[in-house]
């Protein structure tokens, strides 16, 4: 039986997700419905992507009994409210990153998923890429010895994009792209909580972060440092340095196709797209879709590749970084 997906949101990421789906066998994955607050947008989207059912509200999608899992591709300021709507309706949910605006909201989503006995995953698609799977394998085999340092950079000029710079839209480098650097560090250190976090950054006039540098200390004298910016382009790579060598994930580190292990380069090419994409390497969204299918077939309620505990810790770290840098959202006082 194919996994029947319902898309919530008819924006750019849902478009790319739909294009990525076309690279997977139709007997495994089907997009059965699209929901948008605008019925017209939903209809246009359905026509473009050949989706049979169209809804002009999220509530209608939540009531559709034929849907196996909802993909939440809306603005992250709405993830908490709309995520709870689907979870309380007994729907499995794959929620785009960042999971929510703060750790309080994330804990609410996790609690709702457990209470309703449904699957929930934060769509950190990076974790499902073959490159990341290989990194985990190499670390398990201690290919580079004992890991001492992890470095992750992500800089992308986005000051012209409203959702990146406006506070009401949950803007800032941290929540949009910094999340990728931080999740990489947590993956390398197996979801361990850092012993200390030091962050400094510069803010835009709107009160969101433009550029941030984070240094984290972990147990056994291990360190990580991350730099992310929506004001400038960076190499966008990640490096794991150990006592016996290094692993480099070449840019774009959040959706990588090239891995360098002790100087030896390997390629992991992506399938081509059938329609133009909005974001880099978006056909790689296929990997998280397949990860979700495998979890559902096994009856799992969370993904071992991106466990809910990792999502909670990730958001708690981001809360602490925002506190140190001075970014406050209206959701923090709710």
C-alpha atoms as a PDB file:
ATOM      1  CA  UNK A   1       0.000   0.000   0.000  1.00  0.00           C
ATOM      2  CA  UNK A   2       1.220   3.475  -0.860  1.00  0.00           C
ATOM      3  CA  UNK A   3       1.709   6.011   1.932  1.00  0.00           C
ATOM      4  CA  UNK A   4      -0.998   8.630   1.349  1.00  0.00           C
ATOM      5  CA  UNK A   5       0.258  12.150   2.020  1.00  0.00           C
ATOM      6  CA  UNK A   6      -1.758  15.269   2.734  1.00  0.00           C
ATOM      7  CA  UNK A   7       0.070  18.545   2.132  1.00  0.00           C
ATOM      8  CA  UNK A   8      -0.694  21.457   4.431  1.00  0.00           C
ATOM      9  CA  UNK A   9       0.349  24.688   2.743  1.00  0.00           C
ATOM     10  CA  UNK A  10       0.668  25.451  -0.968  1.00  0.00           C
ATOM     11  CA  UNK A  11       3.908  27.423  -0.794  1.00  0.00           C
ATOM     12  CA  UNK A  12       7.447  27.020  -2.139  1.00  0.00           C
ATOM     13  CA  UNK A  13       8.566  24.137   0.088  1.00  0.00           C
ATOM     14  CA  UNK A  14       5.388  22.134  -0.611  1.00  0.00           C
ATOM     15  CA  UNK A  15       6.085  22.599  -4.330  1.00  0.00           C
ATOM     16  CA  UNK A  16       9.613  21.230  -3.947  1.00  0.00           C
ATOM     17  CA  UNK A  17       8.365  18.385  -1.740  1.00  0.00           C
ATOM     18  CA  UNK A  18       5.850  17.421  -4.444  1.00  0.00           C
ATOM     19  CA  UNK A  19       8.550  17.475  -7.128  1.00  0.00           C
ATOM     20  CA  UNK A  20      10.798  15.307  -4.934  1.00  0.00           C
ATOM     21  CA  UNK A  21       7.924  12.837  -4.483  1.00  0.00           C
ATOM     22  CA  UNK A  22       7.865  12.241  -8.228  1.00  0.00           C
ATOM     23  CA  UNK A  23      11.357  10.684  -7.941  1.00  0.00           C
ATOM     24  CA  UNK A  24       9.913   7.919  -5.703  1.00  0.00           C
ATOM     25  CA  UNK A  25       7.799   4.938  -6.864  1.00  0.00           C
ATOM     26  CA  UNK A  26       4.087   5.838  -7.049  1.00  0.00           C
ATOM     27  CA  UNK A  27       3.242   2.455  -5.492  1.00  0.00           C
ATOM     28  CA  UNK A  28       5.069   3.665  -2.352  1.00  0.00           C
ATOM     29  CA  UNK A  29       4.064   7.338  -2.123  1.00  0.00           C
ATOM     30  CA  UNK A  30       0.998   9.278  -3.239  1.00  0.00           C
ATOM     31  CA  UNK A  31       0.068  12.886  -2.541  1.00  0.00           C
ATOM     32  CA  UNK A  32      -3.650  12.431  -1.965  1.00  0.00           C
ATOM     33  CA  UNK A  33      -4.655  15.961  -0.890  1.00  0.00           C
ATOM     34  CA  UNK A  34      -3.523  19.571  -0.671  1.00  0.00           C
ATOM     35  CA  UNK A  35      -4.898  22.072   1.843  1.00  0.00           C
ATOM     36  CA  UNK A  36      -4.397  25.828   1.833  1.00  0.00           C
ATOM     37  CA  UNK A  37      -6.231  28.678   3.528  1.00  0.00           C
ATOM     38  CA  UNK A  38      -6.861  29.874  -0.030  1.00  0.00           C
ATOM     39  CA  UNK A  39      -8.949  27.409  -2.043  1.00  0.00           C
ATOM     40  CA  UNK A  40      -7.741  29.071  -5.263  1.00  0.00           C
ATOM     41  CA  UNK A  41      -4.076  28.494  -4.343  1.00  0.00           C
ATOM     42  CA  UNK A  42      -4.859  24.904  -3.420  1.00  0.00           C
ATOM     43  CA  UNK A  43      -6.621  24.356  -6.762  1.00  0.00           C
ATOM     44  CA  UNK A  44      -3.712  25.831  -8.736  1.00  0.00           C
ATOM     45  CA  UNK A  45      -1.252  23.692  -6.774  1.00  0.00           C
ATOM     46  CA  UNK A  46      -3.331  20.525  -7.281  1.00  0.00           C
ATOM     47  CA  UNK A  47      -3.527  21.163 -11.017  1.00  0.00           C
ATOM     48  CA  UNK A  48       0.241  21.664 -11.299  1.00  0.00           C
ATOM     49  CA  UNK A  49       1.074  18.558  -9.262  1.00  0.00           C
ATOM     50  CA  UNK A  50      -1.867  16.336 -10.252  1.00  0.00           C
ATOM     51  CA  UNK A  51      -3.288  16.002  -6.713  1.00  0.00           C
ATOM     52  CA  UNK A  52      -6.830  14.542  -6.549  1.00  0.00           C
ATOM     53  CA  UNK A  53      -8.256  16.250  -3.431  1.00  0.00           C
ATOM     54  CA  UNK A  54      -8.293  19.965  -2.682  1.00  0.00           C
ATOM     55  CA  UNK A  55      -9.220  21.701   0.585  1.00  0.00           C
ATOM     56  CA  UNK A  56      -9.623  25.406   1.337  1.00  0.00           C
ATOM     57  CA  UNK A  57      -8.986  24.907   5.054  1.00  0.00           C
ATOM     58  CA  UNK A  58      -6.604  22.911   7.255  1.00  0.00           C
ATOM     59  CA  UNK A  59      -9.545  21.587   9.311  1.00  0.00           C
ATOM     60  CA  UNK A  60     -10.951  19.735   6.271  1.00  0.00           C
ATOM     61  CA  UNK A  61      -7.613  17.976   5.738  1.00  0.00           C
ATOM     62  CA  UNK A  62      -7.508  17.043   9.439  1.00  0.00           C
ATOM     63  CA  UNK A  63     -10.927  15.382   9.017  1.00  0.00           C
ATOM     64  CA  UNK A  64      -9.963  13.354   5.913  1.00  0.00           C
ATOM     65  CA  UNK A  65      -9.776   9.697   7.050  1.00  0.00           C
ATOM     66  CA  UNK A  66      -7.844   8.561   3.959  1.00  0.00           C
ATOM     67  CA  UNK A  67      -4.667  10.506   4.819  1.00  0.00           C
ATOM     68  CA  UNK A  68      -1.793   8.547   6.412  1.00  0.00           C
ATOM     69  CA  UNK A  69       0.475  11.513   7.148  1.00  0.00           C
ATOM     70  CA  UNK A  70       0.342  15.295   6.923  1.00  0.00           C
ATOM     71  CA  UNK A  71       3.322  17.283   5.656  1.00  0.00           C
ATOM     72  CA  UNK A  72       3.298  20.678   7.381  1.00  0.00           C
ATOM     73  CA  UNK A  73       4.875  23.131   4.937  1.00  0.00           C
ATOM     74  CA  UNK A  74       3.597  26.417   6.339  1.00  0.00           C
ATOM     75  CA  UNK A  75       5.360  29.335   8.050  1.00  0.00           C
ATOM     76  CA  UNK A  76       6.960  28.217  11.340  1.00  0.00           C
ATOM     77  CA  UNK A  77       5.052  30.841  13.340  1.00  0.00           C
ATOM     78  CA  UNK A  78       2.003  28.627  12.585  1.00  0.00           C
ATOM     79  CA  UNK A  79       3.566  25.201  13.275  1.00  0.00           C
ATOM     80  CA  UNK A  80       2.423  25.027  16.897  1.00  0.00           C
ATOM     81  CA  UNK A  81      -1.216  25.940  16.296  1.00  0.00           C
ATOM     82  CA  UNK A  82      -1.715  23.960  13.097  1.00  0.00           C
ATOM     83  CA  UNK A  83       0.480  21.082  14.266  1.00  0.00           C
ATOM     84  CA  UNK A  84      -1.721  20.655  17.345  1.00  0.00           C
ATOM     85  CA  UNK A  85      -4.825  20.694  15.127  1.00  0.00           C
ATOM     86  CA  UNK A  86      -3.581  17.666  13.152  1.00  0.00           C
ATOM     87  CA  UNK A  87      -2.109  15.764  16.110  1.00  0.00           C
ATOM     88  CA  UNK A  88      -5.330  16.143  18.111  1.00  0.00           C
ATOM     89  CA  UNK A  89      -7.235  14.873  15.059  1.00  0.00           C
ATOM     90  CA  UNK A  90      -5.133  11.699  15.256  1.00  0.00           C
ATOM     91  CA  UNK A  91      -2.955  12.471  12.233  1.00  0.00           C
ATOM     92  CA  UNK A  92       0.706  11.504  11.805  1.00  0.00           C
ATOM     93  CA  UNK A  93       2.758  14.648  11.087  1.00  0.00           C
ATOM     94  CA  UNK A  94       6.029  15.535   9.351  1.00  0.00           C
ATOM     95  CA  UNK A  95       6.590  19.161  10.382  1.00  0.00           C
ATOM     96  CA  UNK A  96       8.975  21.462   8.511  1.00  0.00           C
ATOM     97  CA  UNK A  97      11.905  22.970  10.395  1.00  0.00           C
ATOM     98  CA  UNK A  98      12.166  24.834  12.663  1.00  0.00           C
ATOM     99  CA  UNK A  99       9.684  22.676  14.602  1.00  0.00           C
ATOM    100  CA  UNK A 100       8.179  25.710  16.355  1.00  0.00           C
ATOM    101  CA  UNK A 101       9.130  29.106  17.773  1.00  0.00           C
ATOM    102  CA  UNK A 102      10.533  27.888  21.111  1.00  0.00           C
ATOM    103  CA  UNK A 103      11.021  24.774  23.228  1.00  0.00           C
ATOM    104  CA  UNK A 104       7.711  25.288  25.065  1.00  0.00           C
ATOM    105  CA  UNK A 105       5.822  24.987  21.787  1.00  0.00           C
ATOM    106  CA  UNK A 106       7.919  21.975  20.706  1.00  0.00           C
ATOM    107  CA  UNK A 107       7.196  20.194  24.006  1.00  0.00           C
ATOM    108  CA  UNK A 108       3.463  20.827  23.449  1.00  0.00           C
ATOM    109  CA  UNK A 109       3.661  19.170  20.013  1.00  0.00           C
ATOM    110  CA  UNK A 110       5.616  16.184  21.368  1.00  0.00           C
ATOM    111  CA  UNK A 111       3.135  15.759  24.245  1.00  0.00           C
ATOM    112  CA  UNK A 112       0.171  15.904  21.837  1.00  0.00           C
ATOM    113  CA  UNK A 113       1.759  13.266  19.580  1.00  0.00           C
ATOM    114  CA  UNK A 114       2.329  10.938  22.552  1.00  0.00           C
ATOM    115  CA  UNK A 115      -1.170  11.525  23.939  1.00  0.00           C
ATOM    116  CA  UNK A 116      -2.787  10.735  20.587  1.00  0.00           C
ATOM    117  CA  UNK A 117      -0.363   7.880  19.823  1.00  0.00           C
ATOM    118  CA  UNK A 118       0.680   9.275  16.435  1.00  0.00           C
ATOM    119  CA  UNK A 119       3.950   9.643  14.542  1.00  0.00           C
ATOM    120  CA  UNK A 120       5.701  13.030  14.692  1.00  0.00           C
ATOM    121  CA  UNK A 121       8.979  14.157  13.133  1.00  0.00           C
ATOM    122  CA  UNK A 122      10.715  17.468  12.582  1.00  0.00           C
ATOM    123  CA  UNK A 123      11.644  17.620   8.894  1.00  0.00           C
ATOM    124  CA  UNK A 124      15.404  17.993   9.333  1.00  0.00           C
ATOM    125  CA  UNK A 125      15.828  16.491   5.854  1.00  0.00           C
ATOM    126  CA  UNK A 126      19.631  16.631   6.159  1.00  0.00           C
ATOM    127  CA  UNK A 127      19.595  13.660   8.522  1.00  0.00           C
ATOM    128  CA  UNK A 128      18.008  11.455   5.855  1.00  0.00           C
ATOM    129  CA  UNK A 129      20.597  12.182   3.133  1.00  0.00           C
ATOM    130  CA  UNK A 130      22.986   9.343   2.174  1.00  0.00           C
ATOM    131  CA  UNK A 131      25.939  11.628   3.062  1.00  0.00           C
ATOM    132  CA  UNK A 132      24.682  11.979   6.641  1.00  0.00           C
ATOM    133  CA  UNK A 133      24.051   8.234   6.883  1.00  0.00           C
ATOM    134  CA  UNK A 134      27.654   7.652   5.811  1.00  0.00           C
ATOM    135  CA  UNK A 135      28.915  10.214   8.363  1.00  0.00           C
ATOM    136  CA  UNK A 136      27.079   8.326  11.128  1.00  0.00           C
ATOM    137  CA  UNK A 137      28.590   5.037   9.932  1.00  0.00           C
ATOM    138  CA  UNK A 138      32.118   6.498   9.861  1.00  0.00           C
ATOM    139  CA  UNK A 139      31.697   7.918  13.370  1.00  0.00           C
ATOM    140  CA  UNK A 140      30.400   4.591  14.696  1.00  0.00           C
ATOM    141  CA  UNK A 141      33.491   2.906  13.249  1.00  0.00           C
ATOM    142  CA  UNK A 142      35.750   5.659  14.700  1.00  0.00           C
ATOM    143  CA  UNK A 143      37.296   6.257  11.263  1.00  0.00           C
ATOM    144  CA  UNK A 144      38.762   9.597  12.406  1.00  0.00           C
ATOM    145  CA  UNK A 145      39.561   8.417  15.915  1.00  0.00           C
ATOM    146  CA  UNK A 146      38.188  10.404  18.815  1.00  0.00           C
ATOM    147  CA  UNK A 147      36.199  13.461  17.676  1.00  0.00           C
ATOM    148  CA  UNK A 148      37.635  16.681  19.104  1.00  0.00           C
ATOM    149  CA  UNK A 149      36.043  19.500  17.115  1.00  0.00           C
ATOM    150  CA  UNK A 150      32.992  20.033  14.930  1.00  0.00           C
ATOM    151  CA  UNK A 151      32.584  23.106  12.738  1.00  0.00           C
ATOM    152  CA  UNK A 152      29.512  24.050  10.705  1.00  0.00           C
ATOM    153  CA  UNK A 153      28.955  27.168   8.586  1.00  0.00           C
ATOM    154  CA  UNK A 154      25.813  28.338   6.796  1.00  0.00           C
ATOM    155  CA  UNK A 155      25.542  31.784   5.250  1.00  0.00           C
ATOM    156  CA  UNK A 156      22.987  32.767   2.634  1.00  0.00           C
ATOM    157  CA  UNK A 157      22.168  36.373   1.590  1.00  0.00           C
ATOM    158  CA  UNK A 158      18.455  36.599   2.417  1.00  0.00           C
ATOM    159  CA  UNK A 159      17.943  40.206   3.531  1.00  0.00           C
ATOM    160  CA  UNK A 160      15.575  40.746   0.580  1.00  0.00           C
ATOM    161  CA  UNK A 161      13.208  37.965   1.752  1.00  0.00           C
ATOM    162  CA  UNK A 162      10.443  39.180   4.125  1.00  0.00           C
ATOM    163  CA  UNK A 163      10.125  35.885   6.060  1.00  0.00           C
ATOM    164  CA  UNK A 164      13.885  36.007   6.785  1.00  0.00           C
ATOM    165  CA  UNK A 165      13.953  39.517   8.229  1.00  0.00           C
ATOM    166  CA  UNK A 166      10.540  40.266   9.747  1.00  0.00           C
ATOM    167  CA  UNK A 167      10.023  39.401  13.391  1.00  0.00           C
ATOM    168  CA  UNK A 168       6.282  38.679  12.989  1.00  0.00           C
ATOM    169  CA  UNK A 169       7.199  36.013  10.409  1.00  0.00           C
ATOM    170  CA  UNK A 170       9.733  34.343  12.729  1.00  0.00           C
ATOM    171  CA  UNK A 171      12.738  35.770  10.904  1.00  0.00           C
ATOM    172  CA  UNK A 172      16.455  35.593  11.635  1.00  0.00           C
ATOM    173  CA  UNK A 173      19.389  33.391  10.694  1.00  0.00           C
ATOM    174  CA  UNK A 174      19.108  31.060  13.700  1.00  0.00           C
ATOM    175  CA  UNK A 175      15.636  29.606  13.152  1.00  0.00           C
ATOM    176  CA  UNK A 176      15.931  29.413   9.373  1.00  0.00           C
ATOM    177  CA  UNK A 177      19.474  28.187   8.676  1.00  0.00           C
ATOM    178  CA  UNK A 178      21.372  28.071  11.993  1.00  0.00           C
ATOM    179  CA  UNK A 179      19.163  25.114  12.906  1.00  0.00           C
ATOM    180  CA  UNK A 180      21.044  23.054  10.276  1.00  0.00           C
ATOM    181  CA  UNK A 181      24.452  23.755  11.814  1.00  0.00           C
ATOM    182  CA  UNK A 182      23.234  22.956  15.319  1.00  0.00           C
ATOM    183  CA  UNK A 183      21.452  19.728  14.321  1.00  0.00           C
ATOM    184  CA  UNK A 184      24.677  18.561  12.631  1.00  0.00           C
ATOM    185  CA  UNK A 185      26.617  19.058  15.868  1.00  0.00           C
ATOM    186  CA  UNK A 186      23.936  17.154  17.824  1.00  0.00           C
ATOM    187  CA  UNK A 187      24.052  14.333  15.272  1.00  0.00           C
ATOM    188  CA  UNK A 188      27.843  14.006  15.653  1.00  0.00           C
ATOM    189  CA  UNK A 189      27.598  14.052  19.470  1.00  0.00           C
ATOM    190  CA  UNK A 190      24.626  11.651  19.565  1.00  0.00           C
ATOM    191  CA  UNK A 191      22.086  14.093  20.966  1.00  0.00           C
ATOM    192  CA  UNK A 192      24.236  14.969  23.982  1.00  0.00           C
ATOM    193  CA  UNK A 193      23.452  18.209  25.804  1.00  0.00           C
ATOM    194  CA  UNK A 194      26.354  20.697  25.644  1.00  0.00           C
ATOM    195  CA  UNK A 195      27.990  21.593  28.959  1.00  0.00           C
ATOM    196  CA  UNK A 196      28.147  25.247  27.922  1.00  0.00           C
ATOM    197  CA  UNK A 197      26.901  27.505  25.132  1.00  0.00           C
ATOM    198  CA  UNK A 198      28.402  30.885  24.269  1.00  0.00           C
ATOM    199  CA  UNK A 199      26.743  32.916  21.546  1.00  0.00           C
ATOM    200  CA  UNK A 200      27.221  36.387  20.154  1.00  0.00           C
ATOM    201  CA  UNK A 201      25.593  38.023  17.179  1.00  0.00           C
ATOM    202  CA  UNK A 202      24.359  41.129  15.435  1.00  0.00           C
ATOM    203  CA  UNK A 203      20.698  42.023  14.977  1.00  0.00           C
ATOM    204  CA  UNK A 204      18.782  43.686  12.183  1.00  0.00           C
ATOM    205  CA  UNK A 205      16.677  46.779  12.957  1.00  0.00           C
ATOM    206  CA  UNK A 206      13.647  44.463  13.033  1.00  0.00           C
ATOM    207  CA  UNK A 207      15.125  42.757  16.117  1.00  0.00           C
ATOM    208  CA  UNK A 208      16.017  39.413  14.535  1.00  0.00           C
ATOM    209  CA  UNK A 209      19.534  38.001  14.192  1.00  0.00           C
ATOM    210  CA  UNK A 210      21.495  38.667  11.006  1.00  0.00           C
ATOM    211  CA  UNK A 211      24.700  36.835  11.937  1.00  0.00           C
ATOM    212  CA  UNK A 212      25.540  34.610  14.908  1.00  0.00           C
ATOM    213  CA  UNK A 213      28.619  32.750  16.143  1.00  0.00           C
ATOM    214  CA  UNK A 214      28.080  29.914  18.645  1.00  0.00           C
ATOM    215  CA  UNK A 215      30.715  27.977  20.601  1.00  0.00           C
ATOM    216  CA  UNK A 216      29.628  24.880  22.496  1.00  0.00           C
ATOM    217  CA  UNK A 217      31.598  22.705  24.904  1.00  0.00           C
ATOM    218  CA  UNK A 218      30.711  19.048  25.318  1.00  0.00           C
ATOM    219  CA  UNK A 219      31.918  16.389  27.746  1.00  0.00           C
ATOM    220  CA  UNK A 220      35.389  14.842  27.291  1.00  0.00           C
ATOM    221  CA  UNK A 221      36.887  18.191  26.170  1.00  0.00           C
ATOM    222  CA  UNK A 222      35.039  18.234  22.849  1.00  0.00           C
ATOM    223  CA  UNK A 223      33.984  21.466  21.169  1.00  0.00           C
ATOM    224  CA  UNK A 224      31.773  22.719  18.375  1.00  0.00           C
ATOM    225  CA  UNK A 225      31.521  26.068  16.687  1.00  0.00           C
ATOM    226  CA  UNK A 226      28.868  27.278  14.301  1.00  0.00           C
ATOM    227  CA  UNK A 227      28.554  30.445  12.255  1.00  0.00           C
ATOM    228  CA  UNK A 228      25.403  31.362  10.380  1.00  0.00           C
ATOM    229  CA  UNK A 229      24.246  34.495   8.600  1.00  0.00           C
ATOM    230  CA  UNK A 230      21.431  35.782   6.402  1.00  0.00           C
ATOM    231  CA  UNK A 231      23.633  38.770   5.495  1.00  0.00           C
ATOM    232  CA  UNK A 232      26.481  37.040   3.648  1.00  0.00           C
ATOM    233  CA  UNK A 233      27.419  33.871   1.810  1.00  0.00           C
ATOM    234  CA  UNK A 234      29.670  31.407   3.672  1.00  0.00           C
ATOM    235  CA  UNK A 235      31.368  28.170   2.525  1.00  0.00           C
ATOM    236  CA  UNK A 236      28.363  26.258   3.969  1.00  0.00           C
ATOM    237  CA  UNK A 237      30.436  23.203   4.820  1.00  0.00           C
ATOM    238  CA  UNK A 238      30.820  21.125   7.972  1.00  0.00           C
ATOM    239  CA  UNK A 239      33.987  19.540   9.348  1.00  0.00           C
ATOM    240  CA  UNK A 240      34.464  16.829  11.960  1.00  0.00           C
ATOM    241  CA  UNK A 241      38.058  16.781  13.230  1.00  0.00           C
ATOM    242  CA  UNK A 242      39.286  13.738  15.127  1.00  0.00           C
ATOM    243  CA  UNK A 243      42.558  12.462  16.576  1.00  0.00           C
ATOM    244  CA  UNK A 244      43.123  10.353  13.436  1.00  0.00           C
ATOM    245  CA  UNK A 245      41.718  12.407  10.590  1.00  0.00           C
ATOM    246  CA  UNK A 246      38.784  14.477   9.410  1.00  0.00           C
ATOM    247  CA  UNK A 247      35.426  14.254   7.690  1.00  0.00           C
ATOM    248  CA  UNK A 248      34.255  17.180   5.581  1.00  0.00           C
ATOM    249  CA  UNK A 249      30.714  17.571   4.326  1.00  0.00           C
ATOM    250  CA  UNK A 250      31.047  19.934   1.378  1.00  0.00           C
ATOM    251  CA  UNK A 251      28.534  22.746   0.896  1.00  0.00           C
ATOM    252  CA  UNK A 252      25.586  22.813   0.853  1.00  0.00           C
ATOM    253  CA  UNK A 253      26.029  20.986   4.173  1.00  0.00           C
ATOM    254  CA  UNK A 254      22.277  20.919   4.838  1.00  0.00           C
ATOM    255  CA  UNK A 255      21.545  18.950   1.635  1.00  0.00           C
ATOM    256  CA  UNK A 256      24.941  17.537   0.689  1.00  0.00           C
ATOM    257  CA  UNK A 257      26.068  15.382  -2.209  1.00  0.00           C
ATOM    258  CA  UNK A 258      29.845  15.360  -1.553  1.00  0.00           C
ATOM    259  CA  UNK A 259      31.800  13.876   1.342  1.00  0.00           C
ATOM    260  CA  UNK A 260      35.577  14.101   1.894  1.00  0.00           C
ATOM    261  CA  UNK A 261      37.072  11.563   4.308  1.00  0.00           C
ATOM    262  CA  UNK A 262      40.778  12.056   5.038  1.00  0.00           C
ATOM    263  CA  UNK A 263      41.185  13.765   1.674  1.00  0.00           C
ATOM    264  CA  UNK A 264      39.244  11.148  -0.317  1.00  0.00           C
ATOM    265  CA  UNK A 265      36.169  12.558  -2.060  1.00  0.00           C
ATOM    266  CA  UNK A 266      32.922  10.636  -2.679  1.00  0.00           C
ATOM    267  CA  UNK A 267      29.841  11.784  -4.611  1.00  0.00           C
ATOM    268  CA  UNK A 268      26.222  10.945  -3.788  1.00  0.00           C
ATOM    269  CA  UNK A 269      24.256  12.381  -6.725  1.00  0.00           C
ATOM    270  CA  UNK A 270      20.594  13.368  -6.524  1.00  0.00           C
ATOM    271  CA  UNK A 271      17.921  12.403  -9.059  1.00  0.00           C
ATOM    272  CA  UNK A 272      16.945  15.183 -11.499  1.00  0.00           C
ATOM    273  CA  UNK A 273      13.800  17.289 -10.967  1.00  0.00           C
ATOM    274  CA  UNK A 274      10.846  17.167 -13.372  1.00  0.00           C
ATOM    275  CA  UNK A 275       9.891  20.813 -12.608  1.00  0.00           C
ATOM    276  CA  UNK A 276      11.926  23.906 -11.581  1.00  0.00           C
ATOM    277  CA  UNK A 277      12.733  23.980  -7.845  1.00  0.00           C
ATOM    278  CA  UNK A 278      12.666  26.872  -5.358  1.00  0.00           C
ATOM    279  CA  UNK A 279      15.528  25.625  -3.176  1.00  0.00           C
ATOM    280  CA  UNK A 280      18.899  23.911  -3.612  1.00  0.00           C
ATOM    281  CA  UNK A 281      18.940  20.110  -4.075  1.00  0.00           C
ATOM    282  CA  UNK A 282      15.257  19.813  -3.214  1.00  0.00           C
ATOM    283  CA  UNK A 283      14.822  16.411  -4.846  1.00  0.00           C
ATOM    284  CA  UNK A 284      16.663  15.268  -1.697  1.00  0.00           C
ATOM    285  CA  UNK A 285      13.368  15.775   0.172  1.00  0.00           C
ATOM    286  CA  UNK A 286      12.636  12.273  -1.170  1.00  0.00           C
ATOM    287  CA  UNK A 287      14.901  10.818   1.524  1.00  0.00           C
ATOM    288  CA  UNK A 288      12.865  12.146   4.439  1.00  0.00           C
ATOM    289  CA  UNK A 289       9.625  11.066   2.736  1.00  0.00           C
ATOM    290  CA  UNK A 290      10.980   7.522   2.449  1.00  0.00           C
ATOM    291  CA  UNK A 291      12.259   7.624   6.055  1.00  0.00           C
ATOM    292  CA  UNK A 292       8.717   8.514   7.187  1.00  0.00           C
ATOM    293  CA  UNK A 293       7.237   5.654   5.136  1.00  0.00           C
ATOM    294  CA  UNK A 294       9.654   3.144   6.670  1.00  0.00           C
ATOM    295  CA  UNK A 295       8.866   4.406  10.194  1.00  0.00           C
ATOM    296  CA  UNK A 296       5.104   4.103   9.586  1.00  0.00           C
ATOM    297  CA  UNK A 297       5.479   0.583   8.140  1.00  0.00           C
ATOM    298  CA  UNK A 298       7.376  -0.433  11.294  1.00  0.00           C
ATOM    299  CA  UNK A 299       4.747   1.177  13.540  1.00  0.00           C
ATOM    300  CA  UNK A 300       7.239   3.689  14.972  1.00  0.00           C
ATOM    301  CA  UNK A 301       5.999   6.939  16.523  1.00  0.00           C
ATOM    302  CA  UNK A 302       9.234   8.847  15.874  1.00  0.00           C
ATOM    303  CA  UNK A 303      12.249   8.592  13.575  1.00  0.00           C
ATOM    304  CA  UNK A 304      15.502   7.146  14.913  1.00  0.00           C
ATOM    305  CA  UNK A 305      17.300   9.529  12.515  1.00  0.00           C
ATOM    306  CA  UNK A 306      15.704  12.612  14.042  1.00  0.00           C
ATOM    307  CA  UNK A 307      14.310  11.579  17.445  1.00  0.00           C
ATOM    308  CA  UNK A 308      11.924  13.938  19.229  1.00  0.00           C
ATOM    309  CA  UNK A 309      14.441  14.284  22.095  1.00  0.00           C
ATOM    310  CA  UNK A 310      16.905  15.749  19.556  1.00  0.00           C
ATOM    311  CA  UNK A 311      14.260  18.229  18.398  1.00  0.00           C
ATOM    312  CA  UNK A 312      13.528  19.309  21.975  1.00  0.00           C
ATOM    313  CA  UNK A 313      17.241  19.725  22.775  1.00  0.00           C
ATOM    314  CA  UNK A 314      17.830  21.564  19.488  1.00  0.00           C
ATOM    315  CA  UNK A 315      15.087  24.072  20.340  1.00  0.00           C
ATOM    316  CA  UNK A 316      16.325  24.485  23.922  1.00  0.00           C
ATOM    317  CA  UNK A 317      19.779  25.317  22.548  1.00  0.00           C
ATOM    318  CA  UNK A 318      18.208  27.826  20.129  1.00  0.00           C
ATOM    319  CA  UNK A 319      16.246  29.389  23.015  1.00  0.00           C
ATOM    320  CA  UNK A 320      19.509  29.867  24.926  1.00  0.00           C
ATOM    321  CA  UNK A 321      21.263  31.351  21.870  1.00  0.00           C
ATOM    322  CA  UNK A 322      18.386  33.801  21.339  1.00  0.00           C
ATOM    323  CA  UNK A 323      18.562  34.766  25.010  1.00  0.00           C
ATOM    324  CA  UNK A 324      22.282  35.533  24.749  1.00  0.00           C
ATOM    325  CA  UNK A 325      21.984  37.366  21.418  1.00  0.00           C
ATOM    326  CA  UNK A 326      18.835  39.248  22.447  1.00  0.00           C
ATOM    327  CA  UNK A 327      16.130  37.981  20.085  1.00  0.00           C
ATOM    328  CA  UNK A 328      12.648  37.809  21.617  1.00  0.00           C
ATOM    329  CA  UNK A 329       9.498  36.688  19.783  1.00  0.00           C
ATOM    330  CA  UNK A 330       5.908  37.389  20.886  1.00  0.00           C
ATOM    331  CA  UNK A 331       5.457  33.601  21.263  1.00  0.00           C
ATOM    332  CA  UNK A 332       8.021  33.609  24.125  1.00  0.00           C
ATOM    333  CA  UNK A 333       5.566  35.309  26.474  1.00  0.00           C
ATOM    334  CA  UNK A 334       2.570  33.099  25.656  1.00  0.00           C
END
